[in-house]
Amino acid sequence: MVEKAEEGRRKLERRVQEAEYRAQAAEEQKRAAEERERAADERERATGERERAAVERERAAVERERATRQELFELKRRLQATSH
């Protein structure tokens, strides 16, 4: 009887240890998943910032082109005015 009770207790202790190990592994997996998610969010944020910067550079280039065309138009107009 005592042997069966001790054997049952050892089995129970082993199951508790296994459950604790699985719980610890699950916690580590959860932390790793959270870290991957944070890293993905950071990459997404950085990508968004790069895209915004690229759009801003494009806008600046368009504005420079517009200003250059305006200056060219004005210079041509002045040139024509002096030709007459």
Foldseek 3Di string as FASTA:
>chain_A
DVVVVVVVVVVVVVVVVVVVVVVVVVVVVVVVVVVVVVVVVVVVVVVVVVVVVVVVVVVVVVVVVVVVVVVVVVVVVVVVVVVD
